Amino acid sequence: MPSWESLLTFSVASLILIAIPGPSVLFVIGRSLAYGRRGGLLSVLGNGLGTLPLVAAVALGVGTIVAQSAVLFTVIKMLGAAYLVYLGIQAI
């Protein structure tokens, strides 16, 4: 059993991290302001559905394989960065 100090520290850190809006929350707020309630709700739905492939991959053990392979992790990071650059160019 963790000590009370550890539990208190963990609880305070958790509350701070929960209170700070992340990119998904900011995205939903922006879409809601631009497109109204329907756009905001569809953005929430899209964010939620977007996590399903990640959860499925981790459940199938892909997370463990990636965590143990530095090369594979680096390749995935570079592909993600390239995709973000592509999205940025498309947005311009």
PDB file of N, CA and C in Angstrom:
ATOM      1  N   MET A   1       0.844  -1.186   0.000  1.00  0.00           N
ATOM      2  CA  MET A   1       0.000   0.000   0.000  1.00  0.00           C
ATOM      3  C   MET A   1       0.881   1.238   0.000  1.00  0.00           C
ATOM      4  N   PRO A   2       0.629   2.152  -0.944  1.00  0.00           N
ATOM      5  CA  PRO A   2       1.418   3.388  -0.985  1.00  0.00           C
ATOM      6  C   PRO A   2       1.155   4.240   0.259  1.00  0.00           C
ATOM      7  N   SER A   3       2.115   5.080   0.557  1.00  0.00           N
ATOM      8  CA  SER A   3       1.952   5.976   1.705  1.00  0.00           C
ATOM      9  C   SER A   3       0.923   7.058   1.379  1.00  0.00           C
ATOM     10  N   TRP A   4       0.407   7.714   2.427  1.00  0.00           N
ATOM     11  CA  TRP A   4      -0.576   8.776   2.244  1.00  0.00           C
ATOM     12  C   TRP A   4       0.005   9.947   1.472  1.00  0.00           C
ATOM     13  N   GLU A   5       1.302  10.228   1.704  1.00  0.00           N
ATOM     14  CA  GLU A   5       1.941  11.326   0.958  1.00  0.00           C
ATOM     15  C   GLU A   5       1.974  11.021  -0.535  1.00  0.00           C
ATOM     16  N   SER A   6       2.284   9.761  -0.874  1.00  0.00           N
ATOM     17  CA  SER A   6       2.327   9.372  -2.290  1.00  0.00           C
ATOM     18  C   SER A   6       0.936   9.461  -2.914  1.00  0.00           C
ATOM     19  N   LEU A   7      -0.075   8.988  -2.183  1.00  0.00           N
ATOM     20  CA  LEU A   7      -1.443   9.068  -2.703  1.00  0.00           C
ATOM     21  C   LEU A   7      -1.893  10.503  -2.886  1.00  0.00           C
ATOM     22  N   LEU A   8      -1.547  11.362  -1.935  1.00  0.00           N
ATOM     23  CA  LEU A   8      -1.923  12.770  -2.044  1.00  0.00           C
ATOM     24  C   LEU A   8      -1.219  13.433  -3.224  1.00  0.00           C
ATOM     25  N   THR A   9       0.068  13.171  -3.363  1.00  0.00           N
ATOM     26  CA  THR A   9       0.832  13.732  -4.485  1.00  0.00           C
ATOM     27  C   THR A   9       0.262  13.264  -5.814  1.00  0.00           C
ATOM     28  N   PHE A  10      -0.040  11.961  -5.918  1.00  0.00           N
ATOM     29  CA  PHE A  10      -0.617  11.410  -7.142  1.00  0.00           C
ATOM     30  C   PHE A  10      -1.976  12.045  -7.432  1.00  0.00           C
ATOM     31  N   SER A  11      -2.798  12.202  -6.403  1.00  0.00           N
ATOM     32  CA  SER A  11      -4.130  12.780  -6.583  1.00  0.00           C
ATOM     33  C   SER A  11      -4.054  14.226  -7.060  1.00  0.00           C
ATOM     34  N   VAL A  12      -3.174  15.016  -6.461  1.00  0.00           N
ATOM     35  CA  VAL A  12      -3.033  16.421  -6.867  1.00  0.00           C
ATOM     36  C   VAL A  12      -2.517  16.509  -8.301  1.00  0.00           C
ATOM     37  N   ALA A  13      -1.507  15.698  -8.637  1.00  0.00           N
ATOM     38  CA  ALA A  13      -0.973  15.714 -10.004  1.00  0.00           C
ATOM     39  C   ALA A  13      -2.045  15.278 -11.001  1.00  0.00           C
ATOM     40  N   SER A  14      -2.838  14.278 -10.645  1.00  0.00           N
ATOM     41  CA  SER A  14      -3.904  13.809 -11.534  1.00  0.00           C
ATOM     42  C   SER A  14      -4.942  14.893 -11.771  1.00  0.00           C
ATOM     43  N   LEU A  15      -5.350  15.564 -10.714  1.00  0.00           N
ATOM     44  CA  LEU A  15      -6.347  16.635 -10.857  1.00  0.00           C
ATOM     45  C   LEU A  15      -5.831  17.775 -11.729  1.00  0.00           C
ATOM     46  N   ILE A  16      -4.562  18.123 -11.569  1.00  0.00           N
ATOM     47  CA  ILE A  16      -3.985  19.189 -12.395  1.00  0.00           C
ATOM     48  C   ILE A  16      -3.980  18.775 -13.864  1.00  0.00           C
ATOM     49  N   LEU A  17      -3.558  17.544 -14.140  1.00  0.00           N
ATOM     50  CA  LEU A  17      -3.514  17.076 -15.526  1.00  0.00           C
ATOM     51  C   LEU A  17      -4.906  16.959 -16.137  1.00  0.00           C
ATOM     52  N   ILE A  18      -5.888  16.583 -15.324  1.00  0.00           N
ATOM     53  CA  ILE A  18      -7.254  16.475 -15.826  1.00  0.00           C
ATOM     54  C   ILE A  18      -7.836  17.857 -16.112  1.00  0.00           C
ATOM     55  N   ALA A  19      -7.497  18.839 -15.292  1.00  0.00           N
ATOM     56  CA  ALA A  19      -8.066  20.181 -15.439  1.00  0.00           C
ATOM     57  C   ALA A  19      -7.521  20.928 -16.651  1.00  0.00           C
ATOM     58  N   ILE A  20      -6.321  20.597 -17.091  1.00  0.00           N
ATOM     59  CA  ILE A  20      -5.711  21.285 -18.227  1.00  0.00           C
ATOM     60  C   ILE A  20      -6.290  20.712 -19.521  1.00  0.00           C
ATOM     61  N   PRO A  21      -6.895  21.551 -20.359  1.00  0.00           N
ATOM     62  CA  PRO A  21      -7.471  21.015 -21.596  1.00  0.00           C
ATOM     63  C   PRO A  21      -6.382  20.561 -22.559  1.00  0.00           C
ATOM     64  N   GLY A  22      -6.590  19.414 -23.135  1.00  0.00           N
ATOM     65  CA  GLY A  22      -5.645  18.869 -24.105  1.00  0.00           C
ATOM     66  C   GLY A  22      -6.045  19.248 -25.511  1.00  0.00           C
ATOM     67  N   PRO A  23      -5.318  18.728 -26.493  1.00  0.00           N
ATOM     68  CA  PRO A  23      -5.608  19.079 -27.881  1.00  0.00           C
ATOM     69  C   PRO A  23      -6.999  18.644 -28.333  1.00  0.00           C
ATOM     70  N   SER A  24      -7.484  17.523 -27.839  1.00  0.00           N
ATOM     71  CA  SER A  24      -8.823  17.074 -28.239  1.00  0.00           C
ATOM     72  C   SER A  24      -9.892  18.032 -27.734  1.00  0.00           C
ATOM     73  N   VAL A  25      -9.746  18.472 -26.508  1.00  0.00           N
ATOM     74  CA  VAL A  25     -10.732  19.407 -25.948  1.00  0.00           C
ATOM     75  C   VAL A  25     -10.689  20.722 -26.709  1.00  0.00           C
ATOM     76  N   LEU A  26      -9.498  21.215 -26.976  1.00  0.00           N
ATOM     77  CA  LEU A  26      -9.389  22.474 -27.724  1.00  0.00           C
ATOM     78  C   LEU A  26      -9.938  22.333 -29.134  1.00  0.00           C
ATOM     79  N   PHE A  27      -9.722  21.174 -29.755  1.00  0.00           N
ATOM     80  CA  PHE A  27     -10.264  20.918 -31.092  1.00  0.00           C
ATOM     81  C   PHE A  27     -11.789  20.947 -31.059  1.00  0.00           C
ATOM     82  N   VAL A  28     -12.378  20.264 -30.075  1.00  0.00           N
ATOM     83  CA  VAL A  28     -13.838  20.223 -29.967  1.00  0.00           C
ATOM     84  C   VAL A  28     -14.402  21.611 -29.702  1.00  0.00           C
ATOM     85  N   ILE A  29     -13.750  22.372 -28.850  1.00  0.00           N
ATOM     86  CA  ILE A  29     -14.220  23.732 -28.581  1.00  0.00           C
ATOM     87  C   ILE A  29     -14.166  24.576 -29.854  1.00  0.00           C
ATOM     88  N   GLY A  30     -13.058  24.472 -30.582  1.00  0.00           N
ATOM     89  CA  GLY A  30     -12.933  25.231 -31.832  1.00  0.00           C
ATOM     90  C   GLY A  30     -13.980  24.843 -32.857  1.00  0.00           C
ATOM     91  N   ARG A  31     -14.227  23.538 -32.988  1.00  0.00           N
ATOM     92  CA  ARG A  31     -15.241  23.081 -33.937  1.00  0.00           C
ATOM     93  C   ARG A  31     -16.640  23.506 -33.494  1.00  0.00           C
ATOM     94  N   SER A  32     -16.877  23.473 -32.192  1.00  0.00           N
ATOM     95  CA  SER A  32     -18.183  23.892 -31.672  1.00  0.00           C
ATOM     96  C   SER A  32     -18.422  25.371 -31.939  1.00  0.00           C
ATOM     97  N   LEU A  33     -17.395  26.192 -31.738  1.00  0.00           N
ATOM     98  CA  LEU A  33     -17.542  27.626 -32.013  1.00  0.00           C
ATOM     99  C   LEU A  33     -17.744  27.894 -33.500  1.00  0.00           C
ATOM    100  N   ALA A  34     -17.057  27.118 -34.340  1.00  0.00           N
ATOM    101  CA  ALA A  34     -17.148  27.355 -35.779  1.00  0.00           C
ATOM    102  C   ALA A  34     -18.412  26.761 -36.399  1.00  0.00           C
ATOM    103  N   TYR A  35     -18.831  25.562 -35.919  1.00  0.00           N
ATOM    104  CA  TYR A  35     -19.922  24.844 -36.583  1.00  0.00           C
ATOM    105  C   TYR A  35     -21.129  24.563 -35.693  1.00  0.00           C
ATOM    106  N   GLY A  36     -21.102  25.040 -34.465  1.00  0.00           N
ATOM    107  CA  GLY A  36     -22.249  24.861 -33.592  1.00  0.00           C
ATOM    108  C   GLY A  36     -22.238  23.531 -32.845  1.00  0.00           C
ATOM    109  N   ARG A  37     -23.372  23.264 -32.192  1.00  0.00           N
ATOM    110  CA  ARG A  37     -23.494  22.076 -31.352  1.00  0.00           C
ATOM    111  C   ARG A  37     -23.287  20.788 -32.143  1.00  0.00           C
ATOM    112  N   ARG A  38     -23.886  20.697 -33.315  1.00  0.00           N
ATOM    113  CA  ARG A  38     -23.769  19.474 -34.129  1.00  0.00           C
ATOM    114  C   ARG A  38     -22.316  19.210 -34.506  1.00  0.00           C
ATOM    115  N   GLY A  39     -21.608  20.240 -34.928  1.00  0.00           N
ATOM    116  CA  GLY A  39     -20.197  20.078 -35.273  1.00  0.00           C
ATOM    117  C   GLY A  39     -19.358  19.653 -34.079  1.00  0.00           C
ATOM    118  N   GLY A  40     -19.652  20.216 -32.916  1.00  0.00           N
ATOM    119  CA  GLY A  40     -18.934  19.837 -31.705  1.00  0.00           C
ATOM    120  C   GLY A  40     -19.188  18.393 -31.319  1.00  0.00           C
ATOM    121  N   LEU A  41     -20.459  17.977 -31.378  1.00  0.00           N
ATOM    122  CA  LEU A  41     -20.790  16.596 -31.026  1.00  0.00           C
ATOM    123  C   LEU A  41     -20.191  15.597 -32.017  1.00  0.00           C
ATOM    124  N   LEU A  42     -20.178  15.950 -33.283  1.00  0.00           N
ATOM    125  CA  LEU A  42     -19.548  15.072 -34.273  1.00  0.00           C
ATOM    126  C   LEU A  42     -18.032  14.992 -34.052  1.00  0.00           C
ATOM    127  N   SER A  43     -17.432  16.085 -33.598  1.00  0.00           N
ATOM    128  CA  SER A  43     -16.002  16.077 -33.287  1.00  0.00           C
ATOM    129  C   SER A  43     -15.706  15.178 -32.091  1.00  0.00           C
ATOM    130  N   VAL A  44     -16.576  15.222 -31.087  1.00  0.00           N
ATOM    131  CA  VAL A  44     -16.422  14.331 -29.926  1.00  0.00           C
ATOM    132  C   VAL A  44     -16.539  12.884 -30.375  1.00  0.00           C
ATOM    133  N   LEU A  45     -17.524  12.596 -31.215  1.00  0.00           N
ATOM    134  CA  LEU A  45     -17.706  11.238 -31.727  1.00  0.00           C
ATOM    135  C   LEU A  45     -16.476  10.787 -32.522  1.00  0.00           C
ATOM    136  N   GLY A  46     -15.968  11.659 -33.370  1.00  0.00           N
ATOM    137  CA  GLY A  46     -14.772  11.322 -34.154  1.00  0.00           C
ATOM    138  C   GLY A  46     -13.561  11.080 -33.280  1.00  0.00           C
ATOM    139  N   ASN A  47     -13.372  11.904 -32.257  1.00  0.00           N
ATOM    140  CA  ASN A  47     -12.255  11.690 -31.331  1.00  0.00           C
ATOM    141  C   ASN A  47     -12.385  10.356 -30.617  1.00  0.00           C
ATOM    142  N   GLY A  48     -13.600  10.040 -30.186  1.00  0.00           N
ATOM    143  CA  GLY A  48     -13.827   8.773 -29.495  1.00  0.00           C
ATOM    144  C   GLY A  48     -13.592   7.573 -30.404  1.00  0.00           C
ATOM    145  N   LEU A  49     -14.114   7.635 -31.617  1.00  0.00           N
ATOM    146  CA  LEU A  49     -13.918   6.529 -32.556  1.00  0.00           C
ATOM    147  C   LEU A  49     -12.463   6.407 -33.002  1.00  0.00           C
ATOM    148  N   GLY A  50     -11.756   7.531 -33.005  1.00  0.00           N
ATOM    149  CA  GLY A  50     -10.346   7.504 -33.405  1.00  0.00           C
ATOM    150  C   GLY A  50      -9.457   6.755 -32.428  1.00  0.00           C
ATOM    151  N   THR A  51      -9.897   6.621 -31.193  1.00  0.00           N
ATOM    152  CA  THR A  51      -9.096   5.879 -30.207  1.00  0.00           C
ATOM    153  C   THR A  51      -9.285   4.375 -30.324  1.00  0.00           C
ATOM    154  N   LEU A  52     -10.350   3.925 -30.976  1.00  0.00           N
ATOM    155  CA  LEU A  52     -10.620   2.491 -31.059  1.00  0.00           C
ATOM    156  C   LEU A  52      -9.508   1.693 -31.745  1.00  0.00           C
ATOM    157  N   PRO A  53      -8.960   2.139 -32.883  1.00  0.00           N
ATOM    158  CA  PRO A  53      -7.853   1.368 -33.479  1.00  0.00           C
ATOM    159  C   PRO A  53      -6.632   1.302 -32.558  1.00  0.00           C
ATOM    160  N   LEU A  54      -6.366   2.369 -31.808  1.00  0.00           N
ATOM    161  CA  LEU A  54      -5.230   2.351 -30.884  1.00  0.00           C
ATOM    162  C   LEU A  54      -5.453   1.349 -29.760  1.00  0.00           C
ATOM    163  N   VAL A  55      -6.663   1.334 -29.227  1.00  0.00           N
ATOM    164  CA  VAL A  55      -6.982   0.392 -28.152  1.00  0.00           C
ATOM    165  C   VAL A  55      -6.889  -1.041 -28.676  1.00  0.00           C
ATOM    166  N   ALA A  56      -7.401  -1.279 -29.865  1.00  0.00           N
ATOM    167  CA  ALA A  56      -7.342  -2.620 -30.445  1.00  0.00           C
ATOM    168  C   ALA A  56      -5.892  -3.052 -30.681  1.00  0.00           C
ATOM    169  N   ALA A  57      -5.058  -2.145 -31.178  1.00  0.00           N
ATOM    170  CA  ALA A  57      -3.652  -2.487 -31.422  1.00  0.00           C
ATOM    171  C   ALA A  57      -2.933  -2.818 -30.119  1.00  0.00           C
ATOM    172  N   VAL A  58      -3.175  -2.047 -29.090  1.00  0.00           N
ATOM    173  CA  VAL A  58      -2.540  -2.327 -27.795  1.00  0.00           C
ATOM    174  C   VAL A  58      -3.046  -3.643 -27.233  1.00  0.00           C
ATOM    175  N   ALA A  59      -4.334  -3.911 -27.385  1.00  0.00           N
ATOM    176  CA  ALA A  59      -4.900  -5.167 -26.889  1.00  0.00           C
ATOM    177  C   ALA A  59      -4.302  -6.372 -27.615  1.00  0.00           C
ATOM    178  N   LEU A  60      -3.918  -6.188 -28.856  1.00  0.00           N
ATOM    179  CA  LEU A  60      -3.317  -7.280 -29.623  1.00  0.00           C
ATOM    180  C   LEU A  60      -1.810  -7.408 -29.398  1.00  0.00           C
ATOM    181  N   GLY A  61      -1.232  -6.530 -28.584  1.00  0.00           N
ATOM    182  CA  GLY A  61       0.178  -6.648 -28.240  1.00  0.00           C
ATOM    183  C   GLY A  61       1.124  -5.796 -29.050  1.00  0.00           C
ATOM    184  N   VAL A  62       0.604  -4.946 -29.904  1.00  0.00           N
ATOM    185  CA  VAL A  62       1.470  -4.104 -30.733  1.00  0.00           C
ATOM    186  C   VAL A  62       2.251  -3.117 -29.865  1.00  0.00           C
ATOM    187  N   GLY A  63       1.636  -2.642 -28.782  1.00  0.00           N
ATOM    188  CA  GLY A  63       2.308  -1.695 -27.897  1.00  0.00           C
ATOM    189  C   GLY A  63       3.573  -2.268 -27.285  1.00  0.00           C
ATOM    190  N   THR A  64       3.532  -3.516 -26.898  1.00  0.00           N
ATOM    191  CA  THR A  64       4.704  -4.172 -26.310  1.00  0.00           C
ATOM    192  C   THR A  64       5.820  -4.312 -27.338  1.00  0.00           C
ATOM    193  N   ILE A  65       5.454  -4.681 -28.548  1.00  0.00           N
ATOM    194  CA  ILE A  65       6.460  -4.841 -29.607  1.00  0.00           C
ATOM    195  C   ILE A  65       7.130  -3.504 -29.916  1.00  0.00           C
ATOM    196  N   VAL A  66       6.333  -2.451 -30.026  1.00  0.00           N
ATOM    197  CA  VAL A  66       6.883  -1.125 -30.328  1.00  0.00           C
ATOM    198  C   VAL A  66       7.748  -0.626 -29.170  1.00  0.00           C
ATOM    199  N   ALA A  67       7.314  -0.881 -27.944  1.00  0.00           N
ATOM    200  CA  ALA A  67       8.070  -0.419 -26.779  1.00  0.00           C
ATOM    201  C   ALA A  67       9.429  -1.102 -26.672  1.00  0.00           C
ATOM    202  N   GLN A  68       9.550  -2.318 -27.174  1.00  0.00           N
ATOM    203  CA  GLN A  68      10.808  -3.052 -27.062  1.00  0.00           C
ATOM    204  C   GLN A  68      11.721  -2.855 -28.259  1.00  0.00           C
ATOM    205  N   SER A  69      11.245  -2.213 -29.312  1.00  0.00           N
ATOM    206  CA  SER A  69      12.054  -2.005 -30.503  1.00  0.00           C
ATOM    207  C   SER A  69      12.268  -0.514 -30.728  1.00  0.00           C
ATOM    208  N   ALA A  70      13.475  -0.054 -30.472  1.00  0.00           N
ATOM    209  CA  ALA A  70      13.792   1.363 -30.664  1.00  0.00           C
ATOM    210  C   ALA A  70      13.701   1.748 -32.139  1.00  0.00           C
ATOM    211  N   VAL A  71      14.085   0.855 -33.021  1.00  0.00           N
ATOM    212  CA  VAL A  71      14.049   1.148 -34.460  1.00  0.00           C
ATOM    213  C   VAL A  71      12.607   1.305 -34.926  1.00  0.00           C
ATOM    214  N   LEU A  72      11.751   0.365 -34.532  1.00  0.00           N
ATOM    215  CA  LEU A  72      10.347   0.443 -34.933  1.00  0.00           C
ATOM    216  C   LEU A  72       9.682   1.691 -34.353  1.00  0.00           C
ATOM    217  N   PHE A  73       9.996   2.022 -33.113  1.00  0.00           N
ATOM    218  CA  PHE A  73       9.439   3.221 -32.494  1.00  0.00           C
ATOM    219  C   PHE A  73       9.871   4.469 -33.253  1.00  0.00           C
ATOM    220  N   THR A  74      11.131   4.543 -33.646  1.00  0.00           N
ATOM    221  CA  THR A  74      11.634   5.689 -34.404  1.00  0.00           C
ATOM    222  C   THR A  74      10.960   5.776 -35.776  1.00  0.00           C
ATOM    223  N   VAL A  75      10.770   4.639 -36.427  1.00  0.00           N
ATOM    224  CA  VAL A  75      10.099   4.633 -37.731  1.00  0.00           C
ATOM    225  C   VAL A  75       8.670   5.155 -37.591  1.00  0.00           C
ATOM    226  N   ILE A  76       7.965   4.714 -36.559  1.00  0.00           N
ATOM    227  CA  ILE A  76       6.592   5.166 -36.349  1.00  0.00           C
ATOM    228  C   ILE A  76       6.557   6.663 -36.056  1.00  0.00           C
ATOM    229  N   LYS A  77       7.511   7.153 -35.268  1.00  0.00           N
ATOM    230  CA  LYS A  77       7.577   8.597 -34.990  1.00  0.00           C
ATOM    231  C   LYS A  77       7.817   9.386 -36.262  1.00  0.00           C
ATOM    232  N   MET A  78       8.717   8.925 -37.113  1.00  0.00           N
ATOM    233  CA  MET A  78       9.024   9.640 -38.357  1.00  0.00           C
ATOM    234  C   MET A  78       7.825   9.624 -39.311  1.00  0.00           C
ATOM    235  N   LEU A  79       7.129   8.493 -39.384  1.00  0.00           N
ATOM    236  CA  LEU A  79       5.927   8.429 -40.224  1.00  0.00           C
ATOM    237  C   LEU A  79       4.859   9.379 -39.701  1.00  0.00           C
ATOM    238  N   GLY A  80       4.700   9.444 -38.391  1.00  0.00           N
ATOM    239  CA  GLY A  80       3.737  10.370 -37.792  1.00  0.00           C
ATOM    240  C   GLY A  80       4.100  11.814 -38.081  1.00  0.00           C
ATOM    241  N   ALA A  81       5.390  12.137 -37.984  1.00  0.00           N
ATOM    242  CA  ALA A  81       5.834  13.503 -38.268  1.00  0.00           C
ATOM    243  C   ALA A  81       5.603  13.849 -39.737  1.00  0.00           C
ATOM    244  N   ALA A  82       5.898  12.903 -40.629  1.00  0.00           N
ATOM    245  CA  ALA A  82       5.679  13.142 -42.055  1.00  0.00           C
ATOM    246  C   ALA A  82       4.193  13.363 -42.339  1.00  0.00           C
ATOM    247  N   TYR A  83       3.336  12.605 -41.666  1.00  0.00           N
ATOM    248  CA  TYR A  83       1.891  12.765 -41.862  1.00  0.00           C
ATOM    249  C   TYR A  83       1.422  14.130 -41.371  1.00  0.00           C
ATOM    250  N   LEU A  84       1.977  14.600 -40.252  1.00  0.00           N
ATOM    251  CA  LEU A  84       1.619  15.923 -39.751  1.00  0.00           C
ATOM    252  C   LEU A  84       2.068  17.018 -40.711  1.00  0.00           C
ATOM    253  N   VAL A  85       3.237  16.860 -41.307  1.00  0.00           N
ATOM    254  CA  VAL A  85       3.709  17.825 -42.306  1.00  0.00           C
ATOM    255  C   VAL A  85       2.765  17.820 -43.508  1.00  0.00           C
ATOM    256  N   TYR A  86       2.374  16.626 -43.944  1.00  0.00           N
ATOM    257  CA  TYR A  86       1.427  16.499 -45.061  1.00  0.00           C
ATOM    258  C   TYR A  86       0.110  17.210 -44.740  1.00  0.00           C
ATOM    259  N   LEU A  87      -0.414  16.982 -43.538  1.00  0.00           N
ATOM    260  CA  LEU A  87      -1.665  17.643 -43.138  1.00  0.00           C
ATOM    261  C   LEU A  87      -1.504  19.149 -43.091  1.00  0.00           C
ATOM    262  N   GLY A  88      -0.340  19.623 -42.621  1.00  0.00           N
ATOM    263  CA  GLY A  88      -0.083  21.052 -42.576  1.00  0.00           C
ATOM    264  C   GLY A  88      -0.052  21.669 -43.964  1.00  0.00           C
ATOM    265  N   ILE A  89       0.574  20.975 -44.888  1.00  0.00           N
ATOM    266  CA  ILE A  89       0.645  21.485 -46.272  1.00  0.00           C
ATOM    267  C   ILE A  89      -0.750  21.511 -46.878  1.00  0.00           C
ATOM    268  N   GLN A  90      -1.551  20.480 -46.612  1.00  0.00           N
ATOM    269  CA  GLN A  90      -2.919  20.436 -47.134  1.00  0.00           C
ATOM    270  C   GLN A  90      -3.765  21.578 -46.558  1.00  0.00           C
ATOM    271  N   ALA A  91      -3.505  21.914 -45.296  1.00  0.00           N
ATOM    272  CA  ALA A  91      -4.279  22.986 -44.657  1.00  0.00           C
ATOM    273  C   ALA A  91      -3.954  24.346 -45.259  1.00  0.00           C
ATOM    274  N   ILE A  92      -2.712  24.503 -45.710  1.00  0.00           N
ATOM    275  CA  ILE A  92      -2.297  25.776 -46.307  1.00  0.00           C
ATOM    276  C   ILE A  92      -2.900  25.878 -47.696  1.00  0.00           C
TER     277      ILE A  92
END
